[in-house]
């Protein structure tokens, strides 16, 4: 059984303004997982968010790594 977390919890974890978060959700920026709607409430699958955050952190650290010359 998957664990669902509230949309607001995800936004707080990302520490981003509400408008920016809403844009990321709407455009599925950087492969952001799709939300799950139950009635009017929006949730995310906790495992999908964790995997996305891990991949996002790895990608940003790879972007900052200096290139080595042979």
N, C-alpha and C. Protein backbone atom coordinates (compact mmCIF):
# COMPACT_ATOMS: atom_id res chain seq x y z
N UNK A 1 0.85 -1.18 0.00
CA UNK A 1 0.00 0.00 0.00
C UNK A 1 0.90 1.25 0.00
N UNK A 2 0.61 2.16 -0.90
CA UNK A 2 1.47 3.33 -0.98
C UNK A 2 1.05 4.40 0.03
N UNK A 3 2.06 5.14 0.46
CA UNK A 3 1.83 6.21 1.42
C UNK A 3 1.68 7.53 0.67
N UNK A 4 0.63 8.25 0.98
CA UNK A 4 0.38 9.53 0.34
C UNK A 4 0.73 10.66 1.30
N UNK A 5 1.33 11.72 0.74
CA UNK A 5 1.64 12.89 1.54
C UNK A 5 0.96 14.11 0.91
N UNK A 6 0.58 15.04 1.76
CA UNK A 6 -0.13 16.23 1.30
C UNK A 6 0.77 17.07 0.41
N UNK A 7 0.15 17.73 -0.52
CA UNK A 7 0.84 18.63 -1.43
C UNK A 7 1.61 19.71 -0.67
N UNK A 8 1.00 20.25 0.36
CA UNK A 8 1.64 21.30 1.16
C UNK A 8 2.92 20.79 1.84
N UNK A 9 2.92 19.54 2.26
CA UNK A 9 4.10 18.95 2.88
C UNK A 9 5.24 18.86 1.88
N UNK A 10 4.92 18.50 0.64
CA UNK A 10 5.94 18.42 -0.40
C UNK A 10 6.49 19.82 -0.67
N UNK A 11 5.63 20.81 -0.77
CA UNK A 11 6.08 22.18 -1.02
C UNK A 11 6.99 22.68 0.09
N UNK A 12 6.64 22.41 1.33
CA UNK A 12 7.48 22.81 2.46
C UNK A 12 8.83 22.12 2.41
N UNK A 13 8.83 20.87 2.05
CA UNK A 13 10.09 20.12 1.97
C UNK A 13 11.00 20.70 0.88
N UNK A 14 10.40 21.14 -0.22
CA UNK A 14 11.18 21.75 -1.29
C UNK A 14 11.57 23.19 -0.96
N UNK A 15 10.93 23.77 0.04
CA UNK A 15 11.20 25.13 0.47
C UNK A 15 11.13 26.11 -0.69
N UNK A 16 9.97 26.09 -1.36
CA UNK A 16 9.78 27.01 -2.49
C UNK A 16 8.45 27.73 -2.35
N UNK A 17 8.37 28.92 -2.93
CA UNK A 17 7.12 29.66 -2.87
C UNK A 17 5.97 28.88 -3.50
N UNK A 18 4.76 29.16 -3.05
CA UNK A 18 3.58 28.43 -3.52
C UNK A 18 3.41 28.55 -5.03
N UNK A 19 3.59 29.76 -5.59
CA UNK A 19 3.41 29.94 -7.03
C UNK A 19 4.41 29.11 -7.83
N UNK A 20 5.64 29.06 -7.36
CA UNK A 20 6.68 28.27 -8.05
C UNK A 20 6.33 26.79 -7.98
N UNK A 21 5.90 26.34 -6.81
CA UNK A 21 5.52 24.94 -6.64
C UNK A 21 4.37 24.58 -7.56
N UNK A 22 3.36 25.45 -7.62
CA UNK A 22 2.21 25.18 -8.48
C UNK A 22 2.62 25.09 -9.95
N UNK A 23 3.55 25.92 -10.36
CA UNK A 23 4.05 25.88 -11.74
C UNK A 23 4.77 24.55 -12.01
N UNK A 24 5.59 24.11 -11.06
CA UNK A 24 6.29 22.82 -11.21
C UNK A 24 5.29 21.66 -11.32
N UNK A 25 4.26 21.70 -10.49
CA UNK A 25 3.24 20.64 -10.52
C UNK A 25 2.51 20.65 -11.85
N UNK A 26 2.10 21.83 -12.30
CA UNK A 26 1.34 21.94 -13.54
C UNK A 26 2.16 21.52 -14.75
N UNK A 27 3.42 21.93 -14.80
CA UNK A 27 4.27 21.64 -15.96
C UNK A 27 5.07 20.35 -15.82
N UNK A 28 4.97 19.71 -14.63
CA UNK A 28 5.74 18.49 -14.34
C UNK A 28 7.22 18.73 -14.60
N UNK A 29 7.71 19.88 -14.14
CA UNK A 29 9.08 20.31 -14.32
C UNK A 29 10.06 19.29 -13.75
N UNK A 30 11.13 19.03 -14.49
CA UNK A 30 12.22 18.14 -14.09
C UNK A 30 11.71 16.75 -13.69
N UNK A 31 10.65 16.30 -14.36
CA UNK A 31 10.15 14.96 -14.09
C UNK A 31 9.39 14.80 -12.79
N UNK A 32 8.87 15.89 -12.26
CA UNK A 32 8.13 15.84 -11.00
C UNK A 32 6.99 14.84 -11.12
N UNK A 33 6.82 13.99 -10.10
CA UNK A 33 5.73 13.01 -10.14
C UNK A 33 4.37 13.67 -10.24
N UNK A 34 3.44 12.99 -10.86
CA UNK A 34 2.08 13.50 -11.00
C UNK A 34 1.36 13.42 -9.65
N UNK A 35 0.56 14.44 -9.37
CA UNK A 35 -0.22 14.40 -8.13
C UNK A 35 -1.36 13.40 -8.23
N UNK A 36 -1.85 13.02 -7.07
CA UNK A 36 -3.00 12.12 -6.96
C UNK A 36 -4.11 12.92 -6.30
N UNK A 37 -5.25 12.98 -6.94
CA UNK A 37 -6.37 13.74 -6.41
C UNK A 37 -7.38 12.80 -5.76
N UNK A 38 -7.76 13.15 -4.54
CA UNK A 38 -8.83 12.45 -3.83
C UNK A 38 -9.83 13.54 -3.49
N UNK A 39 -10.91 13.53 -4.24
CA UNK A 39 -11.84 14.64 -4.14
C UNK A 39 -11.15 15.89 -4.65
N UNK A 40 -11.13 16.93 -3.84
CA UNK A 40 -10.45 18.17 -4.21
C UNK A 40 -9.05 18.26 -3.61
N UNK A 41 -8.71 17.30 -2.78
CA UNK A 41 -7.41 17.30 -2.11
C UNK A 41 -6.34 16.70 -3.02
N UNK A 42 -5.15 17.28 -2.98
CA UNK A 42 -4.04 16.81 -3.83
C UNK A 42 -2.96 16.20 -2.94
N UNK A 43 -2.53 15.01 -3.34
CA UNK A 43 -1.49 14.28 -2.62
C UNK A 43 -0.43 13.82 -3.61
N UNK A 44 0.69 13.37 -3.06
CA UNK A 44 1.75 12.76 -3.86
C UNK A 44 2.12 11.44 -3.21
N UNK A 45 2.58 10.51 -4.03
CA UNK A 45 3.08 9.24 -3.53
C UNK A 45 4.44 9.51 -2.87
N UNK A 46 4.58 9.17 -1.61
CA UNK A 46 5.80 9.47 -0.84
C UNK A 46 7.04 8.85 -1.48
N UNK A 47 6.94 7.60 -1.96
CA UNK A 47 8.08 6.92 -2.56
C UNK A 47 8.49 7.60 -3.86
N UNK A 48 7.53 8.05 -4.66
CA UNK A 48 7.85 8.74 -5.91
C UNK A 48 8.54 10.08 -5.64
N UNK A 49 8.08 10.80 -4.62
CA UNK A 49 8.69 12.08 -4.26
C UNK A 49 10.12 11.85 -3.77
N UNK A 50 10.32 10.84 -2.93
CA UNK A 50 11.67 10.55 -2.43
C UNK A 50 12.62 10.22 -3.58
N UNK A 51 12.17 9.38 -4.50
CA UNK A 51 13.01 9.01 -5.65
C UNK A 51 13.30 10.24 -6.51
N UNK A 52 12.30 11.08 -6.72
CA UNK A 52 12.49 12.29 -7.53
C UNK A 52 13.48 13.24 -6.86
N UNK A 53 13.36 13.42 -5.55
CA UNK A 53 14.28 14.29 -4.83
C UNK A 53 15.71 13.75 -4.88
N UNK A 54 15.86 12.45 -4.75
CA UNK A 54 17.18 11.82 -4.82
C UNK A 54 17.80 12.03 -6.19
N UNK A 55 17.02 11.78 -7.24
CA UNK A 55 17.52 11.97 -8.61
C UNK A 55 17.85 13.43 -8.88
N UNK A 56 17.02 14.32 -8.38
CA UNK A 56 17.23 15.75 -8.57
C UNK A 56 18.52 16.21 -7.87
N UNK A 57 18.75 15.71 -6.67
CA UNK A 57 19.97 16.08 -5.92
C UNK A 57 21.20 15.52 -6.62
N UNK A 58 21.11 14.29 -7.12
CA UNK A 58 22.24 13.69 -7.83
C UNK A 58 22.55 14.46 -9.11
N UNK A 59 21.52 14.87 -9.81
CA UNK A 59 21.71 15.61 -11.06
C UNK A 59 22.35 16.97 -10.78
N UNK A 60 21.92 17.64 -9.72
CA UNK A 60 22.50 18.96 -9.42
C UNK A 60 23.94 18.83 -8.94
N UNK A 61 24.27 17.76 -8.24
CA UNK A 61 25.66 17.59 -7.80
C UNK A 61 26.55 17.23 -8.99
N UNK A 62 26.02 16.52 -9.97
CA UNK A 62 26.78 16.20 -11.19
C UNK A 62 27.03 17.45 -12.02
N UNK A 63 26.07 18.37 -12.00
CA UNK A 63 26.22 19.62 -12.75
C UNK A 63 27.31 20.50 -12.15
N UNK A 64 27.52 20.39 -10.85
CA UNK A 64 28.50 21.23 -10.17
C UNK A 64 29.88 20.60 -10.09
N UNK A 65 29.99 19.33 -10.41
CA UNK A 65 31.28 18.64 -10.29
C UNK A 65 32.26 19.19 -11.34
N UNK A 66 33.48 19.51 -10.92
CA UNK A 66 34.45 20.00 -11.90
C UNK A 66 34.89 18.89 -12.83
N UNK A 67 35.17 19.28 -14.06
CA UNK A 67 35.64 18.30 -15.05
C UNK A 67 37.11 18.03 -14.82
N UNK A 68 37.50 16.77 -15.00
CA UNK A 68 38.89 16.39 -14.84
C UNK A 68 39.54 16.29 -16.21
N UNK A 69 40.75 16.75 -16.30
CA UNK A 69 41.46 16.61 -17.55
C UNK A 69 42.34 15.37 -17.49
N UNK A 70 42.45 14.70 -18.63
CA UNK A 70 43.19 13.43 -18.66
C UNK A 70 44.67 13.65 -18.83
